[in-house]
């Protein structure tokens, strides 16, 4: 897996119909299509803030993205 920046993640997310999401009642984040009742769609700015606060990074391989510790 290759670490990617937020701008590349936004492009991949847009192409796949994904949005930034936050797991309700937690500080967990993930990408969502917005149809999961356990997730709230959030703004990219909040998503980026949480990535930085939790020292997380976005990794990509073959079009799949994963959020992991940096």
N, C-alpha and C. Protein backbone atom coordinates (compact mmCIF):
# COMPACT_ATOMS: atom_id res chain seq x y z
N UNK A 1 0.84 -1.18 0.00
CA UNK A 1 0.00 0.00 0.00
C UNK A 1 0.88 1.24 0.00
N UNK A 2 0.41 2.25 -0.70
CA UNK A 2 1.14 3.51 -0.82
C UNK A 2 0.39 4.61 -0.08
N UNK A 3 1.12 5.38 0.71
CA UNK A 3 0.50 6.50 1.41
C UNK A 3 0.18 7.60 0.39
N UNK A 4 -1.04 8.15 0.49
CA UNK A 4 -1.45 9.21 -0.42
C UNK A 4 -1.89 10.43 0.38
N UNK A 5 -1.87 11.58 -0.28
CA UNK A 5 -2.31 12.79 0.40
C UNK A 5 -3.83 12.94 0.27
N UNK A 6 -4.36 13.88 1.00
CA UNK A 6 -5.80 14.07 1.06
C UNK A 6 -6.37 14.46 -0.30
N UNK A 7 -5.63 15.23 -1.08
CA UNK A 7 -6.13 15.66 -2.39
C UNK A 7 -6.33 14.47 -3.31
N UNK A 8 -5.38 13.52 -3.31
CA UNK A 8 -5.53 12.32 -4.14
C UNK A 8 -6.69 11.47 -3.62
N UNK A 9 -6.84 11.39 -2.30
CA UNK A 9 -7.94 10.63 -1.71
C UNK A 9 -9.29 11.23 -2.11
N UNK A 10 -9.36 12.56 -2.17
CA UNK A 10 -10.61 13.22 -2.59
C UNK A 10 -10.97 12.84 -4.02
N UNK A 11 -9.96 12.78 -4.90
CA UNK A 11 -10.21 12.41 -6.31
C UNK A 11 -10.71 10.98 -6.40
N UNK A 12 -10.04 10.07 -5.70
CA UNK A 12 -10.46 8.66 -5.71
C UNK A 12 -11.87 8.54 -5.14
N UNK A 13 -12.12 9.23 -4.02
CA UNK A 13 -13.44 9.18 -3.38
C UNK A 13 -14.52 9.69 -4.34
N UNK A 14 -14.26 10.79 -5.00
CA UNK A 14 -15.24 11.36 -5.93
C UNK A 14 -15.55 10.38 -7.05
N UNK A 15 -14.51 9.75 -7.60
CA UNK A 15 -14.69 8.79 -8.69
C UNK A 15 -15.47 7.56 -8.26
N UNK A 16 -15.40 7.20 -6.98
CA UNK A 16 -16.09 6.03 -6.47
C UNK A 16 -17.41 6.37 -5.77
N UNK A 17 -17.77 7.65 -5.74
CA UNK A 17 -19.00 8.06 -5.09
C UNK A 17 -18.92 8.00 -3.58
N UNK A 18 -17.73 8.19 -3.03
CA UNK A 18 -17.53 8.12 -1.59
C UNK A 18 -17.43 9.51 -0.98
N UNK A 19 -17.78 9.59 0.30
CA UNK A 19 -17.72 10.83 1.06
C UNK A 19 -17.00 10.54 2.37
N UNK A 20 -16.46 11.58 3.02
CA UNK A 20 -15.85 11.36 4.33
C UNK A 20 -16.94 11.12 5.37
N UNK A 21 -16.69 10.17 6.25
CA UNK A 21 -17.69 9.86 7.27
C UNK A 21 -17.08 9.66 8.64
N UNK A 22 -17.91 9.86 9.65
CA UNK A 22 -17.50 9.67 11.04
C UNK A 22 -18.45 8.66 11.67
N UNK A 23 -17.86 7.69 12.37
CA UNK A 23 -18.67 6.68 13.05
C UNK A 23 -19.38 7.35 14.21
N UNK A 24 -20.71 7.23 14.25
CA UNK A 24 -21.50 7.89 15.30
C UNK A 24 -21.04 7.49 16.69
N UNK A 25 -20.87 8.49 17.56
CA UNK A 25 -20.50 8.25 18.95
C UNK A 25 -19.03 7.94 19.17
N UNK A 26 -18.20 8.05 18.13
CA UNK A 26 -16.77 7.76 18.26
C UNK A 26 -15.97 8.83 17.52
N UNK A 27 -14.66 8.68 17.55
CA UNK A 27 -13.81 9.55 16.75
C UNK A 27 -13.31 8.82 15.51
N UNK A 28 -13.90 7.64 15.26
CA UNK A 28 -13.51 6.85 14.09
C UNK A 28 -14.01 7.48 12.80
N UNK A 29 -13.17 7.40 11.75
CA UNK A 29 -13.55 7.94 10.45
C UNK A 29 -13.35 6.87 9.38
N UNK A 30 -14.10 7.02 8.32
CA UNK A 30 -13.95 6.14 7.17
C UNK A 30 -14.67 6.75 5.99
N UNK A 31 -14.49 6.14 4.83
CA UNK A 31 -15.19 6.61 3.64
C UNK A 31 -16.53 5.91 3.56
N UNK A 32 -17.54 6.62 3.06
CA UNK A 32 -18.89 6.09 3.01
C UNK A 32 -19.61 6.57 1.75
N UNK A 33 -20.58 5.79 1.34
CA UNK A 33 -21.46 6.23 0.25
C UNK A 33 -22.63 7.03 0.82
N UNK A 34 -22.69 7.15 2.16
CA UNK A 34 -23.71 7.95 2.82
C UNK A 34 -24.99 7.20 3.12
N UNK A 35 -24.96 5.89 3.00
CA UNK A 35 -26.18 5.10 3.21
C UNK A 35 -26.10 4.23 4.46
N UNK A 36 -25.07 4.41 5.27
CA UNK A 36 -24.88 3.60 6.46
C UNK A 36 -25.39 4.37 7.68
N UNK A 37 -26.32 3.78 8.41
CA UNK A 37 -26.91 4.45 9.58
C UNK A 37 -25.92 4.65 10.72
N UNK A 38 -24.81 3.92 10.72
CA UNK A 38 -23.82 4.06 11.79
C UNK A 38 -22.85 5.21 11.53
N UNK A 39 -22.93 5.82 10.34
CA UNK A 39 -21.98 6.87 9.96
C UNK A 39 -22.69 8.17 9.66
N UNK A 40 -22.03 9.27 10.02
CA UNK A 40 -22.49 10.59 9.62
C UNK A 40 -21.54 11.11 8.57
N UNK A 41 -22.06 11.63 7.46
CA UNK A 41 -21.22 12.26 6.46
C UNK A 41 -20.73 13.58 7.04
N UNK A 42 -19.42 13.84 6.92
CA UNK A 42 -18.82 15.06 7.45
C UNK A 42 -18.12 15.82 6.32
N UNK A 43 -17.72 17.03 6.62
CA UNK A 43 -16.98 17.85 5.65
C UNK A 43 -15.52 17.36 5.59
N UNK A 44 -14.91 17.62 4.44
CA UNK A 44 -13.50 17.23 4.28
C UNK A 44 -12.61 17.90 5.31
N UNK A 45 -12.90 19.13 5.69
CA UNK A 45 -12.08 19.85 6.67
C UNK A 45 -12.08 19.12 8.02
N UNK A 46 -13.25 18.65 8.46
CA UNK A 46 -13.34 17.91 9.72
C UNK A 46 -12.61 16.58 9.61
N UNK A 47 -12.75 15.92 8.46
CA UNK A 47 -12.07 14.66 8.19
C UNK A 47 -10.55 14.85 8.32
N UNK A 48 -10.04 15.92 7.71
CA UNK A 48 -8.61 16.21 7.76
C UNK A 48 -8.15 16.50 9.19
N UNK A 49 -8.95 17.24 9.94
CA UNK A 49 -8.62 17.56 11.33
C UNK A 49 -8.49 16.28 12.15
N UNK A 50 -9.45 15.37 11.98
CA UNK A 50 -9.42 14.10 12.73
C UNK A 50 -8.20 13.27 12.32
N UNK A 51 -7.88 13.24 11.02
CA UNK A 51 -6.68 12.52 10.57
C UNK A 51 -5.45 13.03 11.32
N UNK A 52 -5.31 14.35 11.38
CA UNK A 52 -4.14 14.95 12.03
C UNK A 52 -4.13 14.69 13.54
N UNK A 53 -5.29 14.88 14.19
CA UNK A 53 -5.38 14.70 15.64
C UNK A 53 -5.04 13.26 16.04
N UNK A 54 -5.50 12.31 15.26
CA UNK A 54 -5.31 10.90 15.60
C UNK A 54 -4.07 10.29 14.96
N UNK A 55 -3.28 11.16 14.25
CA UNK A 55 -2.05 10.72 13.58
C UNK A 55 -2.33 9.55 12.62
N UNK A 56 -3.33 9.77 11.78
CA UNK A 56 -3.73 8.77 10.79
C UNK A 56 -3.31 9.24 9.40
N UNK A 57 -3.21 8.29 8.49
CA UNK A 57 -2.89 8.60 7.10
C UNK A 57 -3.76 7.72 6.21
N UNK A 58 -3.89 8.13 4.96
CA UNK A 58 -4.68 7.38 3.99
C UNK A 58 -3.70 6.62 3.09
N UNK A 59 -3.97 5.34 2.92
CA UNK A 59 -3.15 4.49 2.06
C UNK A 59 -4.03 3.94 0.95
N UNK A 60 -3.41 3.71 -0.22
CA UNK A 60 -4.17 3.26 -1.37
C UNK A 60 -3.41 2.14 -2.07
N UNK A 61 -4.18 1.19 -2.58
CA UNK A 61 -3.62 0.10 -3.39
C UNK A 61 -4.70 -0.39 -4.33
N UNK A 62 -4.45 -0.31 -5.61
CA UNK A 62 -5.39 -0.81 -6.60
C UNK A 62 -6.75 -0.14 -6.53
N UNK A 63 -6.79 1.13 -6.14
CA UNK A 63 -8.06 1.84 -6.05
C UNK A 63 -8.77 1.70 -4.71
N UNK A 64 -8.25 0.88 -3.82
CA UNK A 64 -8.82 0.72 -2.48
C UNK A 64 -8.10 1.63 -1.52
N UNK A 65 -8.84 2.32 -0.68
CA UNK A 65 -8.23 3.20 0.30
C UNK A 65 -8.47 2.66 1.71
N UNK A 66 -7.48 2.87 2.55
CA UNK A 66 -7.56 2.42 3.93
C UNK A 66 -6.96 3.51 4.81
N UNK A 67 -7.55 3.74 5.96
CA UNK A 67 -7.06 4.72 6.92
C UNK A 67 -6.36 3.96 8.03
N UNK A 68 -5.07 4.30 8.23
CA UNK A 68 -4.26 3.61 9.23
C UNK A 68 -3.38 4.60 9.96
N UNK A 69 -2.76 4.13 11.04
CA UNK A 69 -1.79 4.96 11.76
C UNK A 69 -0.67 5.34 10.79
N UNK A 70 -0.25 6.60 10.90
CA UNK A 70 0.82 7.10 10.00
C UNK A 70 2.16 6.54 10.40
